[in-house]
Protein backbone atom coordinates (compact mmCIF):
# COMPACT_ATOMS: atom_id res chain seq x y z
CA MET A 1 0.00 0.00 0.00
CA SER A 2 1.48 3.36 -1.09
CA LEU A 3 0.88 6.74 0.47
CA GLN A 4 0.16 9.68 -1.84
CA THR A 5 0.54 13.33 -0.85
CA ALA A 6 -2.11 15.82 -1.88
CA ALA A 7 -1.36 17.69 -5.09
CA ASP A 8 -0.27 21.31 -5.00
CA VAL A 9 -3.07 23.88 -5.29
CA PRO A 10 -2.68 27.12 -7.31
CA LEU A 11 -3.86 30.13 -5.29
CA LEU A 12 -4.07 33.84 -6.08
CA ILE A 13 -1.93 35.67 -3.51
CA ILE A 14 -3.14 39.21 -2.88
CA SER A 15 -1.36 41.78 -0.71
CA PRO A 16 -1.13 45.59 -0.62
CA ASN A 17 2.07 45.51 -2.70
CA SER A 18 1.66 42.46 -4.93
CA SER A 19 -0.66 40.09 -6.71
CA SER A 20 0.48 36.77 -8.13
CA GLU A 21 -0.36 33.12 -8.62
CA ARG A 22 1.49 30.60 -6.41
CA ARG A 23 1.25 26.85 -5.91
CA ILE A 24 0.62 25.82 -2.30
CA THR A 25 1.30 22.38 -0.87
CA PRO A 26 -1.50 21.32 1.53
CA SER A 27 1.01 19.60 3.84
CA TRP A 28 2.75 22.90 4.58
CA SER A 29 2.17 24.42 8.00
CA ILE A 30 0.73 27.91 8.35
CA ALA A 31 4.09 29.12 9.68
CA HIS A 32 5.91 27.66 6.66
CA LEU A 33 3.47 29.36 4.29
CA LYS A 34 3.96 32.73 5.97
CA ALA A 35 7.73 32.34 5.73
CA ARG A 36 7.42 31.71 1.99
CA LEU A 37 5.05 34.67 1.56
CA GLU A 38 7.42 37.13 3.24
CA PRO A 39 9.74 37.67 0.23
CA ILE A 40 6.74 37.78 -2.09
CA THR A 41 4.70 40.37 -0.19
CA GLY A 42 7.39 42.19 1.76
CA ILE A 43 5.40 41.62 4.97
CA PRO A 44 7.23 39.90 7.86
CA ALA A 45 5.78 36.50 8.72
CA SER A 46 5.00 37.64 12.26
CA CYS A 47 2.91 40.54 10.90
CA GLN A 48 0.78 38.59 8.42
CA ARG A 49 -2.91 37.87 8.83
CA LEU A 50 -4.21 35.42 6.21
CA SER A 51 -7.69 34.81 4.87
CA LEU A 52 -8.89 32.41 2.16
CA LYS A 53 -11.83 33.26 -0.11
CA VAL A 54 -13.38 30.56 -2.29
CA GLY A 55 -15.79 31.84 -4.95
CA SER A 56 -18.61 33.90 -3.47
CA GLN A 57 -18.22 32.40 0.01
CA ASP A 58 -17.19 34.50 2.99
CA PRO A 59 -13.42 34.58 3.64
CA THR A 60 -12.02 31.96 6.02
CA ALA A 61 -9.30 33.03 8.44
CA VAL A 62 -6.16 30.94 7.99
CA GLU A 63 -4.99 30.82 11.59
CA ALA A 64 -4.47 28.42 14.48
CA ALA A 65 -3.18 28.39 18.03
CA ASP A 66 -0.18 26.32 16.89
CA GLU A 67 0.73 27.57 13.42
CA GLU A 68 3.99 25.61 13.40
CA HIS A 69 2.16 22.29 13.29
CA THR A 70 -1.19 23.16 11.72
CA GLN A 71 -1.27 22.04 8.10
CA LEU A 72 -3.00 24.01 5.35
CA GLY A 73 -4.91 20.91 4.27
CA ILE A 74 -7.53 21.52 6.95
CA PHE A 75 -8.64 24.70 5.17
CA PRO A 76 -10.90 24.78 2.05
CA LEU A 77 -8.10 24.93 -0.53
CA GLN A 78 -9.47 25.18 -4.07
CA ALA A 79 -7.72 26.04 -7.29
CA TYR A 80 -7.45 29.80 -7.83
CA ALA A 81 -9.05 30.73 -4.53
CA GLU A 82 -7.88 34.12 -3.20
CA LEU A 83 -5.40 34.13 -0.32
CA THR A 84 -5.28 37.65 1.07
CA VAL A 85 -2.27 38.73 3.12
CA ILE A 86 -2.99 41.63 5.48
CA ASP A 87 -0.17 43.67 7.03
CA THR A 88 -0.87 44.10 10.76
CA ARG A 89 1.91 46.63 11.31
CA PRO A 90 1.02 50.29 12.00
CA PRO A 91 0.75 52.29 8.74
CA GLY A 92 3.93 54.21 9.53
CA ALA A 93 5.94 50.99 9.79
CA ARG A 94 4.81 49.53 6.46
CA THR A 95 6.78 49.76 3.23
CA ASP A 96 4.90 51.13 0.24
CA PHE A 97 6.62 49.53 -2.73
CA SER A 98 4.45 51.50 -5.15
CA ASP A 99 5.88 54.82 -3.95
CA LEU A 100 8.77 55.60 -6.30
CA SER A 101 9.23 59.24 -5.29
CA SER A 102 12.45 58.53 -3.40
CA VAL A 103 13.88 56.07 -5.93
CA GLU A 104 16.85 57.44 -7.82
CA LYS A 105 16.11 57.37 -11.53
CA TYR A 106 18.70 56.83 -14.22
CA ILE A 107 18.43 58.85 -17.41
CA MET A 108 20.79 57.80 -20.18
CA PRO A 109 22.60 60.77 -21.77
CA SER A 110 21.41 61.37 -25.33
CA THR A 111 24.97 61.00 -26.69
CA GLU A 112 25.28 57.56 -25.10
CA TYR A 113 21.88 56.50 -26.40
CA GLU A 114 22.66 57.66 -29.93
CA ALA A 115 25.92 55.65 -29.86
CA ARG A 116 24.16 52.37 -29.02
CA THR A 117 23.62 49.83 -31.79
CA ASP A 118 20.77 47.91 -30.11
CA SER A 119 18.29 50.75 -29.67
CA VAL A 120 15.08 51.71 -31.45
CA LEU A 121 16.91 54.79 -32.73
CA ALA A 122 19.61 52.61 -34.32
CA TRP A 123 16.92 50.45 -35.93
CA LYS A 124 15.19 53.54 -37.39
CA LYS A 125 18.52 54.73 -38.76
CA ALA A 126 19.16 51.36 -40.40
CA GLN A 127 15.64 51.21 -41.87
CA LYS A 128 15.73 54.91 -42.87
CA LEU A 129 12.46 55.65 -41.12
CA GLY A 130 11.02 58.92 -39.83
CA ARG A 131 13.56 61.74 -39.79
CA PHE A 132 16.17 59.37 -41.21
CA ASP A 133 14.23 58.95 -44.45
CA PRO A 134 16.19 60.93 -47.08
CA ASN A 135 12.89 61.77 -48.80
CA ALA A 136 11.09 62.82 -45.64
CA GLY A 137 12.22 66.44 -45.63
CA THR A 138 12.40 68.54 -42.51
CA ILE A 139 10.10 67.99 -39.53
CA GLU A 140 8.30 71.19 -40.52
CA GLU A 141 7.73 69.86 -44.04
CA GLN A 142 6.45 66.53 -42.67
CA LYS A 143 3.92 68.36 -40.47
CA ILE A 144 2.73 70.44 -43.43
CA ARG A 145 2.25 67.33 -45.56
CA ALA A 146 0.33 65.71 -42.70
CA LEU A 147 -2.02 68.71 -42.59
CA GLN A 148 -2.50 68.56 -46.36
CA ARG A 149 -3.38 64.86 -46.14
CA GLU A 150 -5.89 65.67 -43.40
CA VAL A 151 -7.58 68.22 -45.66
CA GLU A 152 -7.98 65.54 -48.34
CA GLU A 153 -9.05 62.77 -45.95
CA ARG A 154 -11.71 64.97 -44.34
CA GLY A 155 -13.09 65.97 -47.73
CA ILE A 156 -12.59 69.67 -47.02
CA MET A 157 -13.19 71.82 -50.11
CA LEU A 158 -14.36 75.31 -50.94
CA ASN A 159 -18.08 75.99 -50.33
CA ALA A 160 -18.46 72.80 -48.27
CA ARG A 161 -20.79 73.02 -45.30
CA VAL A 162 -18.93 72.32 -42.08
CA ARG A 163 -19.26 72.17 -38.32
CA LEU A 164 -16.41 73.17 -36.03
CA LEU A 165 -15.02 70.69 -33.53
CA PRO A 166 -15.05 69.78 -30.73
CA GLU A 167 -18.78 69.20 -30.55
CA THR A 168 -18.97 71.53 -27.55
CA ASP A 169 -18.17 74.30 -30.06
CA ALA A 170 -20.45 73.05 -32.90
CA ARG A 171 -20.58 76.38 -34.77
CA ARG A 172 -21.59 75.93 -38.41
CA GLY A 173 -20.46 77.65 -41.55
CA THR A 174 -19.11 77.39 -45.09
CA VAL A 175 -15.51 76.83 -46.19
CA SER A 176 -14.34 80.03 -47.92
CA TYR A 177 -10.56 79.58 -47.98
CA ILE A 178 -8.00 76.75 -47.91
CA GLY A 179 -4.31 77.62 -47.85
CA VAL A 180 -1.44 79.23 -45.97
CA VAL A 181 -1.87 82.36 -43.86
CA PRO A 182 1.62 83.79 -43.25
CA GLU A 183 0.22 86.41 -40.88
CA ILE A 184 -0.67 83.69 -38.34
CA PRO A 185 2.50 82.72 -36.40
CA GLY A 186 3.57 79.09 -36.16
CA LEU A 187 3.37 76.20 -38.58
CA GLN A 188 2.50 77.38 -42.09
CA GLY A 189 0.48 74.42 -43.26
CA PRO A 190 -3.01 74.94 -44.72
CA TRP A 191 -5.55 76.90 -42.71
CA ILE A 192 -9.27 76.57 -43.27
CA GLY A 193 -11.11 79.86 -43.53
CA VAL A 194 -14.76 79.48 -42.56
CA THR A 195 -17.63 81.93 -42.97
CA LEU A 196 -19.77 81.27 -39.91
CA ASP A 197 -23.56 81.35 -40.04
CA GLU A 198 -23.63 83.69 -37.04
CA PRO A 199 -21.26 86.52 -35.99
CA THR A 200 -19.36 84.45 -33.42
CA GLY A 201 -15.99 84.51 -35.17
CA LYS A 202 -12.84 86.61 -34.79
CA ASN A 203 -12.52 88.48 -38.11
CA ASP A 204 -14.14 89.42 -41.42
CA GLY A 205 -12.04 87.08 -43.56
CA SER A 206 -8.88 89.16 -43.24
CA VAL A 207 -5.80 88.86 -41.03
CA LYS A 208 -3.64 91.89 -40.19
CA GLY A 209 -5.05 93.83 -43.12
CA LYS A 210 -4.72 91.09 -45.74
CA ARG A 211 -8.01 89.72 -47.04
CA TYR A 212 -8.46 86.03 -47.78
CA PHE A 213 -12.25 85.87 -48.22
CA GLU A 214 -15.30 88.10 -47.88
CA CYS A 215 -17.72 87.77 -44.97
CA GLY A 216 -19.56 89.90 -42.46
CA ARG A 217 -17.99 91.42 -39.35
CA ASN A 218 -17.02 88.71 -36.82
CA CYS A 219 -18.29 85.98 -39.16
CA GLY A 220 -14.83 84.76 -40.16
CA VAL A 221 -12.53 82.28 -38.46
CA PHE A 222 -9.36 80.39 -39.44
CA VAL A 223 -8.91 76.89 -38.01
CA ARG A 224 -6.73 73.84 -38.57
CA PRO A 225 -8.17 70.93 -40.64
CA GLU A 226 -8.64 68.68 -37.57
CA ARG A 227 -11.23 71.15 -36.23
CA VAL A 228 -13.44 70.87 -39.31
CA GLU A 229 -16.17 68.30 -39.90
CA VAL A 230 -17.77 68.29 -43.37
CA GLY A 231 -21.44 67.41 -43.61
CA ASP A 232 -24.91 68.38 -44.80
CA PHE A 233 -25.39 70.90 -42.00
CA ALA A 234 -28.35 73.25 -42.16
CA VAL A 235 -27.74 76.98 -41.84
CA GLU A 236 -27.63 77.81 -38.16
CA GLY A 237 -30.62 79.73 -36.88
CA LEU A 238 -33.00 78.61 -39.66
CA GLY A 239 -35.79 76.07 -39.11
CA ASP A 240 -37.25 73.66 -41.66
CA SER A 241 -40.08 76.00 -42.57
CA ASP A 242 -37.61 78.81 -43.27
CA LEU A 243 -35.55 76.54 -45.54
CA GLU A 244 -38.65 75.62 -47.57
CA GLU A 245 -39.30 79.30 -48.30
CA LEU A 246 -35.74 80.12 -49.47
């Protein structure tokens, strides 16, 4: 007649600083389990309070008067039950492993990173991607081309009816200009000049004395392509009956 030991049971170990799956041997004592949990949780064995939760049942305290000789097999061990490890030390005496404020951080100097041959930067250089593409042009030129593509992808064209984004803005109008506006500082990709249905804009189609399109006072606005949504938008302020009479 042969004696067989109970198979190990996988449990989910949960503590304030960690969460992991571990295999537990039912023949272990409670004291032995706590000793093995100490390097996993960072909680000293003498300061651990254990509880075992199986499914929707109430947690069972894993404790005994003699933890050195009490085996875990007497508790309801089931695969993937939750074993919670509570730290009984005062809050000031506990170690918060998630607090990285006092951890010294290493930042590799850019010259050292650029000299490495096993970095993402080295791979991009070898593949001639991004700024290493000889046909990519300057970063400024790449941004301008991206804006031009956005104009095409959004279907923005002269006389198109549009709504301004985000939707919290939602002003409506008609596209009256597409192109550069040197008078506006910054990136000189295409700007979209919109004649708004109502005088809630910032200009009359001109910028610093140069006119780009005609519209009423405060009915003009210049925005980037990503702020324009093309659609069959009715003229703001007009109801259906008004539209039928136009």
